[in-house]
Amino acid sequence: MNATQTGLLAGLLLGIAGATGGFLAFVITLVLGAVGLLVGRVLDGELDVSGLGRGRDR
């Protein structure tokens, strides 16, 4: 299991643990799963976030 899959799984588990049912639980789980996926992709090197810094001149 690579970091992308681990991040997605962690985000989904945190969403399920933090939510208590209903549509709001679905949305929370979806958002946390997406965050976990993004973090995993950054750790795998599949997503470059170096250009997001504010202090860089363009």
PDB file of N, CA and C in Angstrom:
ATOM      1  N   MET A   1       0.852  -1.169   0.000  1.00  0.00           N
ATOM      2  CA  MET A   1       0.000   0.000   0.000  1.00  0.00           C
ATOM      3  C   MET A   1       0.901   1.237   0.000  1.00  0.00           C
ATOM      4  N   ASN A   2       0.718   2.103  -0.980  1.00  0.00           N
ATOM      5  CA  ASN A   2       1.555   3.298  -1.062  1.00  0.00           C
ATOM      6  C   ASN A   2       0.954   4.431  -0.229  1.00  0.00           C
ATOM      7  N   ALA A   3       1.638   5.568  -0.198  1.00  0.00           N
ATOM      8  CA  ALA A   3       1.214   6.686   0.643  1.00  0.00           C
ATOM      9  C   ALA A   3      -0.125   7.267   0.183  1.00  0.00           C
ATOM     10  N   THR A   4      -0.410   7.225  -1.118  1.00  0.00           N
ATOM     11  CA  THR A   4      -1.694   7.731  -1.606  1.00  0.00           C
ATOM     12  C   THR A   4      -2.841   6.896  -1.049  1.00  0.00           C
ATOM     13  N   GLN A   5      -2.714   5.605  -1.123  1.00  0.00           N
ATOM     14  CA  GLN A   5      -3.764   4.728  -0.612  1.00  0.00           C
ATOM     15  C   GLN A   5      -3.882   4.836   0.904  1.00  0.00           C
ATOM     16  N   THR A   6      -2.755   4.944   1.583  1.00  0.00           N
ATOM     17  CA  THR A   6      -2.768   5.078   3.037  1.00  0.00           C
ATOM     18  C   THR A   6      -3.424   6.390   3.452  1.00  0.00           C
ATOM     19  N   GLY A   7      -3.100   7.471   2.752  1.00  0.00           N
ATOM     20  CA  GLY A   7      -3.707   8.761   3.062  1.00  0.00           C
ATOM     21  C   GLY A   7      -5.202   8.763   2.832  1.00  0.00           C
ATOM     22  N   LEU A   8      -5.643   8.159   1.741  1.00  0.00           N
ATOM     23  CA  LEU A   8      -7.066   8.068   1.448  1.00  0.00           C
ATOM     24  C   LEU A   8      -7.774   7.253   2.525  1.00  0.00           C
ATOM     25  N   LEU A   9      -7.212   6.124   2.891  1.00  0.00           N
ATOM     26  CA  LEU A   9      -7.803   5.277   3.910  1.00  0.00           C
ATOM     27  C   LEU A   9      -7.869   5.998   5.256  1.00  0.00           C
ATOM     28  N   ALA A  10      -6.795   6.697   5.618  1.00  0.00           N
ATOM     29  CA  ALA A  10      -6.778   7.426   6.884  1.00  0.00           C
ATOM     30  C   ALA A  10      -7.834   8.526   6.894  1.00  0.00           C
ATOM     31  N   GLY A  11      -7.957   9.260   5.804  1.00  0.00           N
ATOM     32  CA  GLY A  11      -8.964  10.309   5.728  1.00  0.00           C
ATOM     33  C   GLY A  11     -10.376   9.767   5.834  1.00  0.00           C
ATOM     34  N   LEU A  12     -10.622   8.656   5.168  1.00  0.00           N
ATOM     35  CA  LEU A  12     -11.948   8.050   5.229  1.00  0.00           C
ATOM     36  C   LEU A  12     -12.261   7.532   6.632  1.00  0.00           C
ATOM     37  N   LEU A  13     -11.294   6.914   7.273  1.00  0.00           N
ATOM     38  CA  LEU A  13     -11.514   6.412   8.628  1.00  0.00           C
ATOM     39  C   LEU A  13     -11.739   7.543   9.621  1.00  0.00           C
ATOM     40  N   LEU A  14     -10.988   8.638   9.474  1.00  0.00           N
ATOM     41  CA  LEU A  14     -11.206   9.783  10.350  1.00  0.00           C
ATOM     42  C   LEU A  14     -12.589  10.397  10.128  1.00  0.00           C
ATOM     43  N   GLY A  15     -13.019  10.426   8.876  1.00  0.00           N
ATOM     44  CA  GLY A  15     -14.347  10.945   8.574  1.00  0.00           C
ATOM     45  C   GLY A  15     -15.449  10.099   9.181  1.00  0.00           C
ATOM     46  N   ILE A  16     -15.292   8.803   9.087  1.00  0.00           N
ATOM     47  CA  ILE A  16     -16.289   7.899   9.667  1.00  0.00           C
ATOM     48  C   ILE A  16     -16.297   8.019  11.181  1.00  0.00           C
ATOM     49  N   ALA A  17     -15.123   8.105  11.786  1.00  0.00           N
ATOM     50  CA  ALA A  17     -15.035   8.210  13.239  1.00  0.00           C
ATOM     51  C   ALA A  17     -15.582   9.546  13.739  1.00  0.00           C
ATOM     52  N   GLY A  18     -15.390  10.624  12.975  1.00  0.00           N
ATOM     53  CA  GLY A  18     -15.825  11.940  13.411  1.00  0.00           C
ATOM     54  C   GLY A  18     -17.279  12.249  13.125  1.00  0.00           C
ATOM     55  N   ALA A  19     -17.887  11.494  12.278  1.00  0.00           N
ATOM     56  CA  ALA A  19     -19.266  11.776  11.878  1.00  0.00           C
ATOM     57  C   ALA A  19     -20.224  10.808  12.563  1.00  0.00           C
ATOM     58  N   THR A  20     -21.456  11.223  12.683  1.00  0.00           N
ATOM     59  CA  THR A  20     -22.425  10.387  13.398  1.00  0.00           C
ATOM     60  C   THR A  20     -23.659  10.069  12.561  1.00  0.00           C
ATOM     61  N   GLY A  21     -23.498   9.969  11.273  1.00  0.00           N
ATOM     62  CA  GLY A  21     -24.596   9.522  10.429  1.00  0.00           C
ATOM     63  C   GLY A  21     -25.278  10.631   9.654  1.00  0.00           C
ATOM     64  N   GLY A  22     -26.018  10.238   8.643  1.00  0.00           N
ATOM     65  CA  GLY A  22     -26.776  11.185   7.838  1.00  0.00           C
ATOM     66  C   GLY A  22     -25.960  11.779   6.702  1.00  0.00           C
ATOM     67  N   PHE A  23     -26.545  12.779   6.043  1.00  0.00           N
ATOM     68  CA  PHE A  23     -25.905  13.405   4.889  1.00  0.00           C
ATOM     69  C   PHE A  23     -24.652  14.161   5.295  1.00  0.00           C
ATOM     70  N   LEU A  24     -24.688  14.805   6.465  1.00  0.00           N
ATOM     71  CA  LEU A  24     -23.518  15.536   6.949  1.00  0.00           C
ATOM     72  C   LEU A  24     -22.332  14.587   7.146  1.00  0.00           C
ATOM     73  N   ALA A  25     -22.580  13.402   7.631  1.00  0.00           N
ATOM     74  CA  ALA A  25     -21.520  12.407   7.799  1.00  0.00           C
ATOM     75  C   ALA A  25     -20.919  12.028   6.450  1.00  0.00           C
ATOM     76  N   PHE A  26     -21.763  11.895   5.444  1.00  0.00           N
ATOM     77  CA  PHE A  26     -21.282  11.578   4.107  1.00  0.00           C
ATOM     78  C   PHE A  26     -20.378  12.685   3.587  1.00  0.00           C
ATOM     79  N   VAL A  27     -20.781  13.943   3.761  1.00  0.00           N
ATOM     80  CA  VAL A  27     -19.992  15.070   3.276  1.00  0.00           C
ATOM     81  C   VAL A  27     -18.663  15.171   4.027  1.00  0.00           C
ATOM     82  N   ILE A  28     -18.694  15.019   5.333  1.00  0.00           N
ATOM     83  CA  ILE A  28     -17.465  15.058   6.131  1.00  0.00           C
ATOM     84  C   ILE A  28     -16.506  13.959   5.689  1.00  0.00           C
ATOM     85  N   THR A  29     -17.020  12.751   5.505  1.00  0.00           N
ATOM     86  CA  THR A  29     -16.187  11.633   5.070  1.00  0.00           C
ATOM     87  C   THR A  29     -15.616  11.888   3.677  1.00  0.00           C
ATOM     88  N   LEU A  30     -16.402  12.443   2.794  1.00  0.00           N
ATOM     89  CA  LEU A  30     -15.939  12.741   1.444  1.00  0.00           C
ATOM     90  C   LEU A  30     -14.826  13.785   1.457  1.00  0.00           C
ATOM     91  N   VAL A  31     -15.003  14.842   2.238  1.00  0.00           N
ATOM     92  CA  VAL A  31     -13.997  15.907   2.311  1.00  0.00           C
ATOM     93  C   VAL A  31     -12.704  15.395   2.937  1.00  0.00           C
ATOM     94  N   LEU A  32     -12.807  14.679   4.040  1.00  0.00           N
ATOM     95  CA  LEU A  32     -11.600  14.160   4.683  1.00  0.00           C
ATOM     96  C   LEU A  32     -10.908  13.104   3.819  1.00  0.00           C
ATOM     97  N   GLY A  33     -11.672  12.326   3.076  1.00  0.00           N
ATOM     98  CA  GLY A  33     -11.072  11.375   2.148  1.00  0.00           C
ATOM     99  C   GLY A  33     -10.292  12.079   1.049  1.00  0.00           C
ATOM    100  N   ALA A  34     -10.840  13.172   0.543  1.00  0.00           N
ATOM    101  CA  ALA A  34     -10.151  13.943  -0.499  1.00  0.00           C
ATOM    102  C   ALA A  34      -8.870  14.568   0.049  1.00  0.00           C
ATOM    103  N   VAL A  35      -8.925  15.094   1.266  1.00  0.00           N
ATOM    104  CA  VAL A  35      -7.724  15.662   1.890  1.00  0.00           C
ATOM    105  C   VAL A  35      -6.671  14.579   2.081  1.00  0.00           C
ATOM    106  N   GLY A  36      -7.084  13.426   2.555  1.00  0.00           N
ATOM    107  CA  GLY A  36      -6.155  12.315   2.728  1.00  0.00           C
ATOM    108  C   GLY A  36      -5.532  11.879   1.408  1.00  0.00           C
ATOM    109  N   LEU A  37      -6.322  11.872   0.354  1.00  0.00           N
ATOM    110  CA  LEU A  37      -5.820  11.522  -0.971  1.00  0.00           C
ATOM    111  C   LEU A  37      -4.780  12.530  -1.443  1.00  0.00           C
ATOM    112  N   LEU A  38      -5.061  13.821  -1.267  1.00  0.00           N
ATOM    113  CA  LEU A  38      -4.106  14.856  -1.677  1.00  0.00           C
ATOM    114  C   LEU A  38      -2.798  14.756  -0.898  1.00  0.00           C
ATOM    115  N   VAL A  39      -2.881  14.553   0.397  1.00  0.00           N
ATOM    116  CA  VAL A  39      -1.667  14.418   1.212  1.00  0.00           C
ATOM    117  C   VAL A  39      -0.870  13.198   0.766  1.00  0.00           C
ATOM    118  N   GLY A  40      -1.539  12.109   0.500  1.00  0.00           N
ATOM    119  CA  GLY A  40      -0.855  10.906   0.039  1.00  0.00           C
ATOM    120  C   GLY A  40      -0.169  11.113  -1.299  1.00  0.00           C
ATOM    121  N   ARG A  41      -0.815  11.824  -2.210  1.00  0.00           N
ATOM    122  CA  ARG A  41      -0.200  12.095  -3.518  1.00  0.00           C
ATOM    123  C   ARG A  41       1.022  12.993  -3.388  1.00  0.00           C
ATOM    124  N   VAL A  42       0.953  13.953  -2.471  1.00  0.00           N
ATOM    125  CA  VAL A  42       2.122  14.806  -2.233  1.00  0.00           C
ATOM    126  C   VAL A  42       3.268  13.966  -1.685  1.00  0.00           C
ATOM    127  N   LEU A  43       2.981  13.085  -0.752  1.00  0.00           N
ATOM    128  CA  LEU A  43       4.024  12.241  -0.176  1.00  0.00           C
ATOM    129  C   LEU A  43       4.602  11.261  -1.189  1.00  0.00           C
ATOM    130  N   ASP A  44       3.791  10.816  -2.143  1.00  0.00           N
ATOM    131  CA  ASP A  44       4.271   9.924  -3.205  1.00  0.00           C
ATOM    132  C   ASP A  44       5.037  10.671  -4.289  1.00  0.00           C
ATOM    133  N   GLY A  45       4.964  11.984  -4.282  1.00  0.00           N
ATOM    134  CA  GLY A  45       5.641  12.770  -5.300  1.00  0.00           C
ATOM    135  C   GLY A  45       4.844  12.897  -6.589  1.00  0.00           C
ATOM    136  N   GLU A  46       3.573  12.543  -6.563  1.00  0.00           N
ATOM    137  CA  GLU A  46       2.724  12.617  -7.745  1.00  0.00           C
ATOM    138  C   GLU A  46       2.068  13.987  -7.900  1.00  0.00           C
ATOM    139  N   LEU A  47       2.154  14.824  -6.865  1.00  0.00           N
ATOM    140  CA  LEU A  47       1.533  16.139  -6.890  1.00  0.00           C
ATOM    141  C   LEU A  47       2.549  17.146  -6.385  1.00  0.00           C
ATOM    142  N   ASP A  48       2.843  18.161  -7.216  1.00  0.00           N
ATOM    143  CA  ASP A  48       3.838  19.168  -6.863  1.00  0.00           C
ATOM    144  C   ASP A  48       3.137  20.402  -6.325  1.00  0.00           C
ATOM    145  N   VAL A  49       3.409  20.730  -5.072  1.00  0.00           N
ATOM    146  CA  VAL A  49       2.772  21.885  -4.444  1.00  0.00           C
ATOM    147  C   VAL A  49       3.767  23.007  -4.188  1.00  0.00           C
ATOM    148  N   SER A  50       4.935  22.938  -4.799  1.00  0.00           N
ATOM    149  CA  SER A  50       5.967  23.939  -4.550  1.00  0.00           C
ATOM    150  C   SER A  50       5.571  25.313  -5.087  1.00  0.00           C
ATOM    151  N   GLY A  51       4.706  25.369  -6.064  1.00  0.00           N
ATOM    152  CA  GLY A  51       4.292  26.642  -6.637  1.00  0.00           C
ATOM    153  C   GLY A  51       3.186  27.336  -5.855  1.00  0.00           C
ATOM    154  N   LEU A  52       2.726  26.756  -4.772  1.00  0.00           N
ATOM    155  CA  LEU A  52       1.640  27.342  -4.010  1.00  0.00           C
ATOM    156  C   LEU A  52       2.099  28.340  -2.957  1.00  0.00           C
ATOM    157  N   GLY A  53       3.413  28.468  -2.759  1.00  0.00           N
ATOM    158  CA  GLY A  53       3.923  29.390  -1.756  1.00  0.00           C
ATOM    159  C   GLY A  53       3.667  30.834  -2.127  1.00  0.00           C
ATOM    160  N   ARG A  54       3.404  31.679  -1.135  1.00  0.00           N
ATOM    161  CA  ARG A  54       3.085  33.076  -1.399  1.00  0.00           C
ATOM    162  C   ARG A  54       4.340  33.919  -1.625  1.00  0.00           C
ATOM    163  N   GLY A  55       5.451  33.535  -1.070  1.00  0.00           N
ATOM    164  CA  GLY A  55       6.638  34.368  -1.121  1.00  0.00           C
ATOM    165  C   GLY A  55       7.424  34.303  -2.433  1.00  0.00           C
ATOM    166  N   ARG A  56       6.946  33.544  -3.367  1.00  0.00           N
ATOM    167  CA  ARG A  56       7.682  33.384  -4.629  1.00  0.00           C
ATOM    168  C   ARG A  56       7.332  34.489  -5.610  1.00  0.00           C
ATOM    169  N   ASP A  57       8.345  34.979  -6.307  1.00  0.00           N
ATOM    170  CA  ASP A  57       8.112  35.951  -7.384  1.00  0.00           C
ATOM    171  C   ASP A  57       7.715  35.211  -8.652  1.00  0.00           C
ATOM    172  N   ARG A  58       6.803  35.799  -9.390  1.00  0.00           N
ATOM    173  CA  ARG A  58       6.363  35.125 -10.628  1.00  0.00           C
ATOM    174  C   ARG A  58       6.947  35.767 -11.820  1.00  0.00           C
TER     175      ARG A  58
END
